[in-house]
Amino acid sequence: MKRKIITLLIALALTSTSLIGCGAKGGVNEEELKANIEAKMQDPAWKEAMTTPYGAYPETLIYTVGKSAQNYDKLKGTEYEGDNDSNNAWTRYVTKKINAQPENLFEANDGDDYAQKVSMAIVSGEIPDIMTVPDYETLKQLYENDLIADLTESYEKCASDLIKDIYNSYDGRVFEKATFDGKLMALPTTEFSHGPGILWLRQDWMDKLGLQPPKTLEDVEYILQEFKDKNPDGNSNGTEGLVIAPEVVGKSGGGYQVNNIFAYFGAYPYQWLDDGTGKATYGSIQPEMKEALTVLADWYKKGLIDKQIAVRTNDDRKAILTSGKSGAFFGNWWGGWEVNEATSLNPDAKWTPYVCPVDENGELKMFTGNPNSGYVVVRKGFEHPELVWKLANLQFDLADNDENKEDLKEISDYQRFSMGGSILETNIDYNDSLIRQAQRMTYALETGDLSNLNRKDEVLFEGCKAYIDSLESGKAITPVEWANYMSLVEAPNAVAEAKIKEINPIFFGNTPSMTLKWPTLSKMEQEMYLKIITRKKPVDYFDEFVQNWKKTGGDEITEEVNQAIAEKNNK
């Protein structure tokens, strides 16, 4: 409900801004702005700063921002005690490198509180020079009310080659929703690919039973059956089956969810897919869903799925895995952190990530996630829209690759203290950044050559190296060492070696009817999964669900989704 209220506040705020004209708060004197910019461009020092990725401003450039508040308590007792949102490692880095200095126009806790501050800033007409907006709907309204700057030209001139290469790794999908009428109106965040779901299995159990690594769906079922029948850990109550969350399926990168089983049959629940004509159709109501549900219901009947699927909490799921009562779950590259405590509870417990099941061509299908969920905008009228790209260059390029390591010391120290902070409150990273990082880590671990590691790698590398050192010396491996290595090296390398076919959904936003009807439809969908899998309903109940979904608002929402796609395509 709180999110709905904030969305309404933002809508009202944006409506009110349409009454703001030139000379009022938020108004822009276009001729004066153009004259000021042209005057500065006559000065070689200003021109270099305004047209190059790293040129420093000849005078300190003060710019206003809206920020999510950080907790600096982690720095107590360190040389950085006293740092705050206005003066910290990141702000000092910006000043040193390009002679720019942020001034906080507002601060708020992340999430709903921040979104409310954004709406209040818009109502007041006092929008920061640079601001992160939480969703596409807000970005669209800001553009339609002519409140944000066109970043097309400044991107071409001032984004670094690395930043451009990162955005290109998404094949245009990231810029698509930030572009209106052919103009780039925001710096879009990137959501790197979490890769496919990964089946984590107790390797010591597999070795004990002489089982081969799984590839096909039949292999997975066979291993689950062997675990159940032969109880390799000798549990008095037997072995639980595959551990699954009650949500069953979900977003890209979901934990304890069986997206891979559905994708094996060409089914992609909760996703808006291209029906082949450019129109969206909802993946959860497609006939391929019944094939996956049939398999899962059969596995449940055979005891190959945890019987308590509907009621276990996340802590419960972790407990039965780490205690040795189950030896299988679908996770993701970070899955090692779900079971890392098993290494201290049972030194013999070994978990291995497998990318499966694959089809007859050796290919695993997966749907990709939303490539961007937030945006950084520049207030229209701010004389230096290029600054947003220069800040991105600092945070996501130079701060990782600066040859002057001394300039990076404070930022690296922050990382070691697990202290957050940033220049821009967004993320820009390669679509396949996990695999790239794992390959750099692997090379450094195997050769001892650390030259390819960037700043963030160097800190993470310390944890992975500790695992290797403990392994080679026979020293007890800590849960943290094990999880670091499995999540940053082992699991991503398994993904890199797999043959993956990506399916890109074509819509991730909201529509008017979703606000009221989507919670009911989502509840219907989740209940359908559990009823069929736990055999409270036959698989044919899926057909009844489809009809009810369509009548309860699904058809209306589908129409709105396609209308939104058509409007965007016509921009």
Protein backbone atom coordinates (compact mmCIF):
# COMPACT_ATOMS: atom_id res chain seq x y z
CA MET A 1 0.00 0.00 0.00
CA LYS A 2 2.87 2.39 0.85
CA ARG A 3 4.32 1.94 -2.63
CA LYS A 4 0.93 2.77 -4.21
CA ILE A 5 0.70 5.98 -2.15
CA ILE A 6 4.19 7.04 -3.22
CA THR A 7 3.38 6.30 -6.87
CA LEU A 8 0.31 8.53 -6.53
CA LEU A 9 2.41 11.27 -4.91
CA ILE A 10 4.85 11.19 -7.80
CA ALA A 11 1.98 11.32 -10.31
CA LEU A 12 0.47 14.33 -8.52
CA ALA A 13 3.87 15.96 -8.30
CA LEU A 14 4.46 15.59 -12.00
CA THR A 15 1.01 16.92 -12.78
CA SER A 16 1.76 20.01 -10.73
CA THR A 17 5.01 20.64 -12.57
CA SER A 18 3.14 21.10 -15.81
CA LEU A 19 2.03 24.45 -14.39
CA ILE A 20 5.63 25.60 -13.89
CA GLY A 21 6.79 28.00 -16.56
CA CYS A 22 9.99 29.82 -17.39
CA GLY A 23 11.24 31.91 -14.51
CA ALA A 24 9.50 29.81 -11.83
CA LYS A 25 11.18 27.07 -9.84
CA GLY A 26 12.26 24.43 -12.32
CA GLY A 27 11.76 26.77 -15.27
CA VAL A 28 14.50 27.13 -17.87
CA ASN A 29 15.54 30.23 -19.79
CA GLU A 30 16.69 28.43 -22.94
CA GLU A 31 18.43 31.43 -24.51
CA GLU A 32 20.38 32.29 -21.35
CA LEU A 33 21.39 28.65 -20.88
CA LYS A 34 22.63 28.41 -24.47
CA ALA A 35 24.58 31.66 -24.15
CA ASN A 36 26.29 30.53 -20.94
CA ILE A 37 27.33 27.22 -22.46
CA GLU A 38 28.63 28.88 -25.64
CA ALA A 39 30.66 31.34 -23.57
CA LYS A 40 32.34 28.59 -21.60
CA MET A 41 33.09 26.66 -24.77
CA GLN A 42 35.23 29.58 -25.92
CA ASP A 43 37.63 28.88 -23.03
CA PRO A 44 39.93 25.93 -23.93
CA ALA A 45 40.04 24.65 -20.34
CA TRP A 46 36.24 24.65 -19.99
CA LYS A 47 35.85 23.17 -23.46
CA GLU A 48 38.14 20.26 -22.60
CA ALA A 49 36.24 19.62 -19.37
CA MET A 50 32.87 19.73 -21.14
CA THR A 51 33.79 17.54 -24.12
CA THR A 52 36.17 14.85 -22.79
CA PRO A 53 35.69 11.91 -20.43
CA TYR A 54 38.21 12.97 -17.79
CA GLY A 55 39.02 16.65 -18.32
CA ALA A 56 38.96 18.51 -14.99
CA TYR A 57 36.87 21.65 -14.58
CA PRO A 58 39.05 24.78 -14.31
CA GLU A 59 36.90 26.01 -11.42
CA THR A 60 35.29 23.81 -8.76
CA LEU A 61 31.93 22.75 -10.12
CA ILE A 62 29.29 22.48 -7.39
CA TYR A 63 26.36 20.25 -8.28
CA THR A 64 23.34 19.20 -6.23
CA VAL A 65 22.22 15.61 -5.73
CA GLY A 66 19.55 13.56 -4.02
CA LYS A 67 21.13 10.76 -1.97
CA SER A 68 20.23 7.62 -0.12
CA ALA A 69 21.68 8.01 3.36
CA GLN A 70 24.60 5.75 4.29
CA ASN A 71 25.51 4.40 7.72
CA TYR A 72 29.10 5.36 8.44
CA ASP A 73 29.27 3.54 11.79
CA LYS A 74 31.43 0.86 10.15
CA LEU A 75 34.24 3.41 9.99
CA LYS A 76 34.37 4.04 13.74
CA GLY A 77 37.83 3.44 15.06
CA THR A 78 39.42 3.84 11.63
CA GLU A 79 41.22 6.75 10.03
CA TYR A 80 37.95 7.53 8.24
CA GLU A 81 35.93 8.09 11.40
CA GLY A 82 34.02 11.31 10.84
CA ASP A 83 33.28 10.71 7.17
CA ASN A 84 29.70 11.42 6.19
CA ASP A 85 27.41 11.78 3.18
CA SER A 86 28.97 15.12 2.26
CA ASN A 87 32.63 14.27 2.81
CA ASN A 88 33.82 10.75 2.14
CA ALA A 89 36.21 8.69 0.04
CA TRP A 90 34.04 9.03 -3.06
CA THR A 91 33.41 12.78 -2.85
CA ARG A 92 37.11 13.38 -2.29
CA TYR A 93 37.95 11.23 -5.31
CA VAL A 94 35.60 13.25 -7.54
CA THR A 95 37.09 16.54 -6.37
CA LYS A 96 40.64 15.32 -6.89
CA LYS A 97 40.04 13.93 -10.37
CA ILE A 98 37.71 16.41 -12.08
CA ASN A 99 37.34 19.28 -9.58
CA ALA A 100 33.62 18.75 -9.00
CA GLN A 101 31.92 18.68 -5.63
CA PRO A 102 28.45 17.37 -4.75
CA GLU A 103 26.07 19.20 -2.45
CA ASN A 104 23.26 17.12 -1.00
CA LEU A 105 19.87 18.66 -1.74
CA PHE A 106 18.14 15.84 0.14
CA GLU A 107 18.97 12.56 1.85
CA ALA A 108 16.66 9.64 2.55
CA ASN A 109 16.69 5.96 3.38
CA ASP A 110 16.73 3.76 0.31
CA GLY A 111 13.43 2.46 -1.11
CA ASP A 112 10.07 4.04 -0.39
CA ASP A 113 11.54 6.88 1.67
CA TYR A 114 13.80 7.87 -1.20
CA ALA A 115 10.94 7.66 -3.71
CA GLN A 116 8.88 9.97 -1.51
CA LYS A 117 11.74 12.50 -1.36
CA VAL A 118 11.88 12.43 -5.16
CA SER A 119 8.16 13.23 -5.38
CA MET A 120 8.52 16.05 -2.87
CA ALA A 121 11.42 17.54 -4.82
CA ILE A 122 9.31 17.52 -7.96
CA VAL A 123 6.33 19.12 -6.18
CA SER A 124 8.54 21.90 -4.85
CA GLY A 125 10.19 22.41 -8.22
CA GLU A 126 13.59 22.00 -6.53
CA ILE A 127 14.97 19.05 -8.44
CA PRO A 128 18.65 18.24 -7.84
CA ASP A 129 21.04 18.73 -10.73
CA ILE A 130 21.61 14.96 -10.74
CA MET A 131 19.11 12.50 -9.32
CA THR A 132 18.32 8.80 -9.44
CA VAL A 133 14.68 8.02 -10.22
CA PRO A 134 13.26 4.68 -9.10
CA ASP A 135 11.27 3.52 -12.10
CA TYR A 136 10.39 3.96 -15.76
CA GLU A 137 7.02 5.57 -15.03
CA THR A 138 8.68 8.45 -13.19
CA LEU A 139 11.27 8.85 -15.94
CA LYS A 140 8.54 8.97 -18.57
CA GLN A 141 6.59 11.62 -16.71
CA LEU A 142 9.71 13.73 -16.14
CA TYR A 143 10.37 13.64 -19.87
CA GLU A 144 6.80 14.46 -20.82
CA ASN A 145 6.84 17.43 -18.42
CA ASP A 146 10.12 18.67 -19.97
CA LEU A 147 12.01 18.59 -16.67
CA ILE A 148 15.14 16.66 -17.63
CA ALA A 149 18.06 17.26 -19.97
CA ASP A 150 18.81 15.49 -23.25
CA LEU A 151 21.99 13.45 -22.70
CA THR A 152 22.50 12.22 -26.27
CA GLU A 153 25.33 14.54 -27.25
CA SER A 154 27.09 14.46 -23.89
CA TYR A 155 27.09 10.65 -23.95
CA GLU A 156 28.89 10.59 -27.29
CA LYS A 157 31.50 13.11 -26.17
CA CYS A 158 32.06 12.33 -22.51
CA ALA A 159 31.26 8.68 -21.80
CA SER A 160 34.50 6.70 -21.72
CA ASP A 161 35.15 3.91 -24.19
CA LEU A 162 34.73 1.36 -21.40
CA ILE A 163 31.33 2.75 -20.38
CA LYS A 164 30.18 2.61 -23.99
CA ASP A 165 31.48 -0.95 -24.34
CA ILE A 166 29.58 -1.97 -21.20
CA TYR A 167 26.31 -0.57 -22.52
CA ASN A 168 26.90 -2.22 -25.90
CA SER A 169 27.10 -5.62 -24.17
CA TYR A 170 23.32 -5.43 -23.69
CA ASP A 171 22.66 -5.16 -27.45
CA GLY A 172 20.67 -1.94 -27.10
CA ARG A 173 18.21 -3.28 -24.52
CA VAL A 174 19.41 -0.95 -21.76
CA PHE A 175 19.17 2.28 -23.76
CA GLU A 176 15.79 1.36 -25.20
CA LYS A 177 13.71 2.48 -22.21
CA ALA A 178 15.87 5.56 -21.56
CA THR A 179 15.30 6.88 -25.10
CA PHE A 180 12.33 9.05 -26.09
CA ASP A 181 11.77 10.48 -29.56
CA GLY A 182 15.30 9.43 -30.47
CA LYS A 183 16.84 11.28 -27.50
CA LEU A 184 18.72 9.65 -24.63
CA MET A 185 17.08 11.18 -21.57
CA ALA A 186 18.79 9.33 -18.73
CA LEU A 187 21.82 7.33 -17.73
CA PRO A 188 20.24 3.89 -17.31
CA THR A 189 21.35 1.50 -14.64
CA THR A 190 22.37 -1.98 -15.78
CA GLU A 191 21.26 -5.23 -14.22
CA PHE A 192 23.96 -7.73 -15.14
CA SER A 193 22.89 -11.23 -16.02
CA HIS A 194 22.68 -13.57 -13.06
CA GLY A 195 22.94 -16.41 -15.51
CA PRO A 196 20.78 -19.51 -15.44
CA GLY A 197 19.63 -21.32 -12.35
CA ILE A 198 22.26 -23.68 -10.98
CA LEU A 199 21.60 -27.08 -9.43
CA TRP A 200 23.73 -27.40 -6.27
CA LEU A 201 24.32 -31.02 -5.26
CA ARG A 202 26.10 -32.76 -2.40
CA GLN A 203 29.19 -33.94 -4.27
CA ASP A 204 30.32 -36.22 -1.44
CA TRP A 205 26.99 -38.05 -1.73
CA MET A 206 27.40 -38.39 -5.47
CA ASP A 207 30.93 -39.73 -5.07
CA LYS A 208 29.78 -42.21 -2.43
CA LEU A 209 27.02 -43.48 -4.72
CA GLY A 210 29.16 -43.44 -7.88
CA LEU A 211 26.91 -40.92 -9.64
CA GLN A 212 27.97 -39.01 -12.75
CA PRO A 213 27.47 -35.24 -13.19
CA PRO A 214 23.91 -34.47 -14.31
CA LYS A 215 23.18 -33.13 -17.76
CA THR A 216 19.64 -34.07 -18.80
CA LEU A 217 16.35 -33.87 -16.95
CA GLU A 218 16.47 -37.65 -16.60
CA ASP A 219 19.90 -37.38 -14.97
CA VAL A 220 18.55 -34.95 -12.40
CA GLU A 221 15.63 -37.20 -11.56
CA TYR A 222 17.91 -40.23 -11.26
CA ILE A 223 20.23 -38.46 -8.81
CA LEU A 224 17.31 -37.26 -6.68
CA GLN A 225 15.94 -40.81 -6.62
CA GLU A 226 19.33 -42.23 -5.59
CA PHE A 227 19.64 -39.67 -2.79
CA LYS A 228 16.18 -40.63 -1.52
CA ASP A 229 16.52 -44.40 -1.82
CA LYS A 230 20.07 -44.83 -0.52
CA ASN A 231 20.13 -42.07 2.12
CA PRO A 232 23.90 -41.46 1.76
CA ASP A 233 24.15 -39.37 4.94
CA GLY A 234 22.43 -42.02 7.04
CA ASN A 235 19.68 -39.75 8.34
CA SER A 236 17.36 -41.58 10.73
CA ASN A 237 14.30 -40.01 9.07
CA GLY A 238 15.60 -40.47 5.53
CA THR A 239 16.63 -37.80 3.05
CA GLU A 240 14.43 -34.90 2.01
CA GLY A 241 13.98 -34.22 -1.68
CA LEU A 242 14.85 -31.20 -3.82
CA VAL A 243 14.40 -28.06 -1.72
CA ILE A 244 12.08 -25.54 -3.41
CA ALA A 245 10.62 -22.25 -2.18
CA PRO A 246 6.82 -21.94 -2.10
CA GLU A 247 7.10 -19.31 -4.85
CA VAL A 248 8.34 -22.17 -7.11
CA VAL A 249 9.40 -19.83 -9.93
CA GLY A 250 10.26 -16.17 -10.15
CA LYS A 251 12.61 -13.53 -11.44
CA SER A 252 15.93 -14.14 -13.12
CA GLY A 253 18.41 -15.25 -10.49
CA GLY A 254 15.80 -16.45 -7.99
CA GLY A 255 16.88 -18.76 -5.19
CA TYR A 256 15.24 -22.13 -4.46
CA GLN A 257 13.19 -21.76 -7.64
CA VAL A 258 12.91 -24.21 -10.51
CA ASN A 259 12.93 -21.84 -13.47
CA ASN A 260 15.27 -24.28 -15.23
CA ILE A 261 12.66 -27.06 -15.21
CA PHE A 262 10.08 -24.82 -16.85
CA ALA A 263 12.56 -23.38 -19.34
CA TYR A 264 13.54 -26.93 -20.33
CA PHE A 265 10.03 -27.27 -21.79
CA GLY A 266 10.04 -23.77 -23.31
CA ALA A 267 7.92 -22.30 -20.49
CA TYR A 268 8.81 -18.94 -18.91
CA PRO A 269 6.52 -18.09 -15.98
CA TYR A 270 5.92 -14.47 -14.96
CA GLN A 271 7.54 -13.20 -18.17
CA TRP A 272 6.04 -11.09 -20.96
CA LEU A 273 7.22 -12.74 -24.16
CA ASP A 274 7.15 -11.90 -27.86
CA ASP A 275 4.46 -14.04 -29.49
CA GLY A 276 6.33 -13.89 -32.79
CA THR A 277 4.50 -10.83 -34.11
CA GLY A 278 6.00 -8.25 -31.74
CA LYS A 279 3.08 -8.45 -29.34
CA ALA A 280 3.41 -9.56 -25.72
CA THR A 281 1.91 -12.71 -24.33
CA TYR A 282 2.12 -13.86 -20.72
CA GLY A 283 4.44 -16.82 -20.23
CA SER A 284 2.57 -18.31 -17.28
CA ILE A 285 -0.52 -19.17 -19.31
CA GLN A 286 1.18 -20.92 -22.23
CA PRO A 287 0.53 -24.65 -22.86
CA GLU A 288 4.20 -25.59 -22.31
CA MET A 289 3.63 -24.90 -18.62
CA LYS A 290 1.67 -28.14 -18.23
CA GLU A 291 4.64 -30.28 -19.23
CA ALA A 292 6.82 -28.83 -16.48
CA LEU A 293 4.02 -29.05 -13.92
CA THR A 294 3.47 -32.71 -14.84
CA VAL A 295 7.11 -33.52 -14.12
CA LEU A 296 7.15 -31.63 -10.82
CA ALA A 297 3.92 -33.24 -9.63
CA ASP A 298 5.37 -36.64 -10.47
CA TRP A 299 8.59 -35.87 -8.58
CA TYR A 300 6.57 -34.77 -5.56
CA LYS A 301 4.58 -38.01 -5.64
CA LYS A 302 7.85 -39.99 -5.68
CA GLY A 303 9.25 -38.02 -2.75
CA LEU A 304 11.88 -36.28 -4.87
CA ILE A 305 10.68 -32.82 -3.79
CA ASP A 306 10.64 -31.65 -0.19
CA LYS A 307 7.19 -32.47 1.19
CA GLN A 308 7.16 -29.24 3.22
CA ILE A 309 7.57 -27.02 0.14
CA ALA A 310 4.52 -24.91 1.01
CA VAL A 311 5.47 -23.96 4.56
CA ARG A 312 9.25 -23.77 4.93
CA THR A 313 10.84 -20.39 5.55
CA ASN A 314 14.19 -19.42 4.06
CA ASP A 315 15.87 -20.26 7.37
CA ASP A 316 14.17 -23.67 7.34
CA ARG A 317 15.46 -24.36 3.85
CA LYS A 318 19.01 -23.44 4.75
CA ALA A 319 18.81 -25.57 7.89
CA ILE A 320 17.83 -28.81 6.19
CA LEU A 321 20.56 -28.29 3.60
CA THR A 322 23.37 -27.43 5.99
CA SER A 323 22.36 -30.16 8.44
CA GLY A 324 22.58 -32.83 5.74
CA LYS A 325 18.87 -33.65 5.52
CA SER A 326 18.78 -32.71 1.83
CA GLY A 327 21.43 -32.71 -0.85
CA ALA A 328 19.87 -30.72 -3.69
CA PHE A 329 18.54 -27.26 -4.43
CA PHE A 330 18.36 -24.85 -7.36
CA GLY A 331 20.11 -21.58 -6.65
CA ASN A 332 22.36 -19.30 -8.59
CA TRP A 333 25.99 -18.26 -8.66
CA TRP A 334 25.74 -17.12 -5.04
CA GLY A 335 24.23 -20.46 -3.98
CA GLY A 336 27.37 -21.36 -2.07
CA TRP A 337 26.42 -18.80 0.56
CA GLU A 338 23.21 -20.74 1.21
CA VAL A 339 25.15 -23.80 2.37
CA ASN A 340 28.53 -22.44 3.45
CA GLU A 341 27.87 -23.29 7.10
CA ALA A 342 27.79 -26.97 6.07
CA THR A 343 31.58 -26.85 5.85
CA SER A 344 31.85 -26.19 9.59
CA LEU A 345 29.00 -28.48 10.68
CA ASN A 346 30.32 -31.35 8.57
CA PRO A 347 33.85 -31.13 7.15
CA ASP A 348 33.06 -33.96 4.74
CA ALA A 349 30.16 -32.09 3.12
CA LYS A 350 31.04 -30.97 -0.42
CA TRP A 351 28.67 -29.04 -2.67
CA THR A 352 29.15 -28.64 -6.43
CA PRO A 353 27.25 -26.36 -8.87
CA TYR A 354 25.85 -27.90 -12.07
CA VAL A 355 24.27 -26.01 -14.97
CA CYS A 356 21.42 -28.27 -16.03
CA PRO A 357 19.16 -29.71 -17.35
CA VAL A 358 20.16 -29.36 -20.98
CA ASP A 359 18.17 -30.49 -24.01
CA GLU A 360 19.14 -32.95 -26.75
CA ASN A 361 21.40 -30.30 -28.27
CA GLY A 362 23.25 -29.80 -25.01
CA GLU A 363 21.63 -26.38 -24.62
CA LEU A 364 20.10 -24.84 -21.52
CA LYS A 365 17.38 -22.24 -22.02
CA MET A 366 16.86 -19.32 -19.64
CA PHE A 367 14.95 -16.06 -19.61
CA THR A 368 16.90 -12.90 -18.97
CA GLY A 369 15.97 -10.37 -16.33
CA ASN A 370 15.12 -6.71 -16.60
CA PRO A 371 18.29 -5.15 -18.07
CA ASN A 372 17.64 -1.88 -16.22
CA SER A 373 15.35 -0.90 -13.38
CA GLY A 374 16.47 2.63 -12.50
CA TYR A 375 17.75 5.80 -14.12
CA VAL A 376 19.93 8.79 -13.35
CA VAL A 377 18.57 12.04 -14.75
CA VAL A 378 19.96 15.55 -15.10
CA ARG A 379 17.80 18.57 -14.35
CA LYS A 380 16.94 20.55 -17.44
CA GLY A 381 18.70 23.88 -17.16
CA PHE A 382 21.84 22.51 -15.51
CA GLU A 383 24.73 23.86 -17.56
CA HIS A 384 26.81 20.67 -17.37
CA PRO A 385 24.78 17.60 -18.34
CA GLU A 386 28.07 15.97 -19.38
CA LEU A 387 28.97 15.74 -15.67
CA VAL A 388 26.77 12.67 -15.20
CA TRP A 389 28.89 10.72 -17.70
CA LYS A 390 32.13 11.97 -16.20
CA LEU A 391 30.95 10.77 -12.80
CA ALA A 392 30.03 7.40 -14.31
CA ASN A 393 33.52 7.20 -15.83
CA LEU A 394 35.06 7.80 -12.42
CA GLN A 395 32.95 5.27 -10.55
CA PHE A 396 32.71 2.45 -13.04
CA ASP A 397 35.90 2.84 -15.06
CA LEU A 398 38.70 4.84 -13.45
CA ALA A 399 37.93 3.80 -9.86
CA ASP A 400 38.54 0.21 -10.94
CA ASN A 401 41.45 0.83 -13.28
CA ASP A 402 43.23 3.98 -12.10
CA GLU A 403 46.97 3.51 -12.59
CA ASN A 404 47.55 5.80 -9.61
CA LYS A 405 46.79 3.21 -6.93
CA GLU A 406 47.34 5.74 -4.15
CA ASP A 407 44.29 7.67 -5.39
CA LEU A 408 42.22 4.50 -4.93
CA LYS A 409 43.43 3.67 -1.42
CA GLU A 410 40.53 5.27 0.42
CA ILE A 411 37.91 3.60 -1.81
CA SER A 412 39.60 0.20 -1.47
CA ASP A 413 39.74 0.65 2.29
CA TYR A 414 36.01 1.33 2.30
CA GLN A 415 35.47 -1.98 0.51
CA ARG A 416 37.59 -3.84 3.06
CA PHE A 417 35.53 -2.28 5.86
CA SER A 418 32.33 -3.36 4.02
CA MET A 419 31.42 0.31 3.81
CA GLY A 420 29.07 1.32 1.04
CA GLY A 421 28.99 4.60 -0.78
CA SER A 422 29.19 5.70 -4.37
CA ILE A 423 29.39 8.66 -6.71
CA LEU A 424 26.19 7.85 -8.57
CA GLU A 425 23.50 5.70 -7.00
CA THR A 426 23.25 3.26 -9.84
CA ASN A 427 25.16 0.37 -11.36
CA ILE A 428 26.95 0.05 -14.69
CA ASP A 429 28.54 -3.29 -15.46
CA TYR A 430 28.88 -5.76 -18.31
CA ASN A 431 25.98 -8.08 -19.00
CA ASP A 432 28.36 -11.01 -18.48
CA SER A 433 30.35 -9.34 -15.72
CA LEU A 434 30.27 -12.40 -13.45
CA ILE A 435 31.93 -14.57 -16.07
CA ARG A 436 34.49 -11.89 -16.92
CA GLN A 437 35.39 -11.49 -13.28
CA ALA A 438 35.64 -15.26 -12.73
CA GLN A 439 37.99 -15.58 -15.69
CA ARG A 440 40.23 -12.82 -14.30
CA MET A 441 40.19 -14.47 -10.89
CA THR A 442 40.98 -17.90 -12.30
CA TYR A 443 43.91 -16.62 -14.31
CA ALA A 444 45.34 -14.76 -11.31
CA LEU A 445 44.95 -17.79 -9.03
CA GLU A 446 46.57 -20.15 -11.53
CA THR A 447 49.45 -17.91 -12.60
CA GLY A 448 50.04 -15.52 -9.72
CA ASP A 449 49.83 -12.67 -12.25
CA LEU A 450 47.50 -10.05 -10.77
CA SER A 451 47.91 -7.46 -13.51
CA ASN A 452 44.46 -8.12 -15.03
CA LEU A 453 42.62 -7.60 -11.73
CA ASN A 454 40.80 -4.33 -11.19
CA ARG A 455 40.42 -2.61 -7.82
CA LYS A 456 37.26 -4.49 -6.80
CA ASP A 457 38.81 -7.76 -7.98
CA GLU A 458 41.85 -7.23 -5.81
CA VAL A 459 39.82 -7.14 -2.60
CA LEU A 460 37.68 -10.14 -3.60
CA PHE A 461 40.78 -11.99 -4.79
CA GLU A 462 42.12 -11.95 -1.24
CA GLY A 463 39.19 -14.14 -0.14
CA CYS A 464 39.56 -16.58 -3.04
CA LYS A 465 43.33 -16.84 -2.51
CA ALA A 466 42.72 -17.64 1.16
CA TYR A 467 40.61 -20.64 0.06
CA ILE A 468 43.36 -21.92 -2.25
CA ASP A 469 46.03 -21.41 0.43
CA SER A 470 43.99 -23.30 3.02
CA LEU A 471 43.28 -26.09 0.54
CA GLU A 472 46.94 -26.53 -0.36
CA SER A 473 48.22 -26.33 3.21
CA GLY A 474 45.64 -28.68 4.65
CA LYS A 475 44.37 -25.96 6.94
CA ALA A 476 40.65 -25.99 7.80
CA ILE A 477 38.72 -24.01 5.19
CA THR A 478 36.41 -21.42 6.72
CA PRO A 479 32.80 -21.10 5.53
CA VAL A 480 33.55 -17.60 4.19
CA GLU A 481 36.60 -18.77 2.22
CA TRP A 482 34.63 -21.62 0.69
CA ALA A 483 31.60 -19.48 -0.23
CA ASN A 484 33.80 -16.76 -1.75
CA TYR A 485 35.56 -19.22 -4.02
CA MET A 486 32.44 -21.16 -5.03
CA SER A 487 30.44 -17.99 -5.80
CA LEU A 488 33.15 -15.96 -7.51
CA VAL A 489 35.06 -18.68 -9.34
CA GLU A 490 33.51 -22.15 -9.41
CA ALA A 491 29.86 -21.34 -10.21
CA PRO A 492 30.51 -18.57 -12.81
CA ASN A 493 33.06 -20.80 -14.58
CA ALA A 494 30.45 -23.56 -14.76
CA VAL A 495 28.09 -21.08 -16.45
CA ALA A 496 30.85 -19.95 -18.84
CA GLU A 497 31.39 -23.53 -19.99
CA ALA A 498 27.68 -24.19 -20.58
CA LYS A 499 25.79 -23.68 -23.81
CA ILE A 500 23.10 -21.13 -22.96
CA LYS A 501 20.17 -19.91 -25.03
CA GLU A 502 18.77 -16.64 -23.69
CA ILE A 503 15.13 -15.63 -24.10
CA ASN A 504 14.60 -11.89 -23.70
CA PRO A 505 11.20 -10.79 -22.35
CA ILE A 506 9.86 -7.67 -24.05
CA PHE A 507 8.13 -5.87 -21.17
CA PHE A 508 9.03 -5.24 -17.53
CA GLY A 509 6.99 -2.20 -16.55
CA ASN A 510 3.63 -1.56 -14.92
CA THR A 511 0.26 -0.68 -16.38
CA PRO A 512 -2.75 1.08 -14.80
CA SER A 513 -4.67 -2.14 -14.09
CA MET A 514 -1.64 -3.88 -12.58
CA THR A 515 -1.76 -1.65 -9.53
CA LEU A 516 -5.10 -3.07 -8.44
CA LYS A 517 -5.26 -6.47 -10.09
CA TRP A 518 -1.73 -7.87 -10.19
CA PRO A 519 -1.57 -8.89 -6.50
CA THR A 520 -4.70 -11.03 -6.94
CA LEU A 521 -3.44 -12.55 -10.18
CA SER A 522 -0.03 -13.33 -8.69
CA LYS A 523 -1.64 -15.00 -5.69
CA MET A 524 -3.82 -17.09 -8.01
CA GLU A 525 -0.72 -18.12 -9.94
CA GLN A 526 1.32 -19.13 -6.92
CA GLU A 527 -1.58 -21.11 -5.48
CA MET A 528 -1.94 -22.91 -8.81
CA TYR A 529 1.71 -24.03 -8.72
CA LEU A 530 1.47 -25.40 -5.21
CA LYS A 531 -1.90 -27.10 -5.71
CA ILE A 532 -0.72 -28.93 -8.82
CA ILE A 533 2.79 -29.81 -7.61
CA THR A 534 1.53 -31.12 -4.23
CA ARG A 535 -1.22 -32.99 -6.11
CA LYS A 536 -4.13 -31.27 -4.40
CA LYS A 537 -5.31 -30.56 -7.94
CA PRO A 538 -4.69 -32.48 -11.19
CA VAL A 539 -2.45 -30.97 -13.86
CA ASP A 540 -5.54 -30.10 -15.92
CA TYR A 541 -6.39 -27.58 -13.21
CA PHE A 542 -3.91 -25.38 -15.06
CA ASP A 543 -6.53 -24.84 -17.82
CA GLU A 544 -9.03 -23.61 -15.23
CA PHE A 545 -6.40 -21.24 -13.84
CA VAL A 546 -5.76 -19.80 -17.32
CA GLN A 547 -9.43 -19.02 -17.86
CA ASN A 548 -9.78 -17.44 -14.41
CA TRP A 549 -6.59 -15.44 -14.90
CA LYS A 550 -7.85 -14.00 -18.17
CA LYS A 551 -11.27 -13.10 -16.73
CA THR A 552 -9.90 -11.63 -13.50
CA GLY A 553 -7.94 -8.96 -15.29
CA GLY A 554 -5.28 -10.81 -17.22
CA ASP A 555 -6.74 -10.00 -20.63
CA GLU A 556 -7.13 -6.34 -19.67
CA ILE A 557 -3.54 -6.14 -18.47
CA THR A 558 -2.26 -7.90 -21.58
CA GLU A 559 -4.02 -5.30 -23.71
CA GLU A 560 -2.44 -2.51 -21.66
CA VAL A 561 1.01 -4.09 -21.94
CA ASN A 562 0.71 -4.20 -25.71
CA GLN A 563 -0.54 -0.63 -25.79
CA ALA A 564 2.50 0.47 -23.76
CA ILE A 565 4.82 -1.40 -26.13
CA ALA A 566 3.15 0.19 -29.16
CA GLU A 567 3.45 3.67 -27.64
CA LYS A 568 7.12 3.14 -26.89
CA ASN A 569 7.82 1.82 -30.38
CA ASN A 570 6.18 4.89 -31.88
CA LYS A 571 8.35 7.30 -29.89
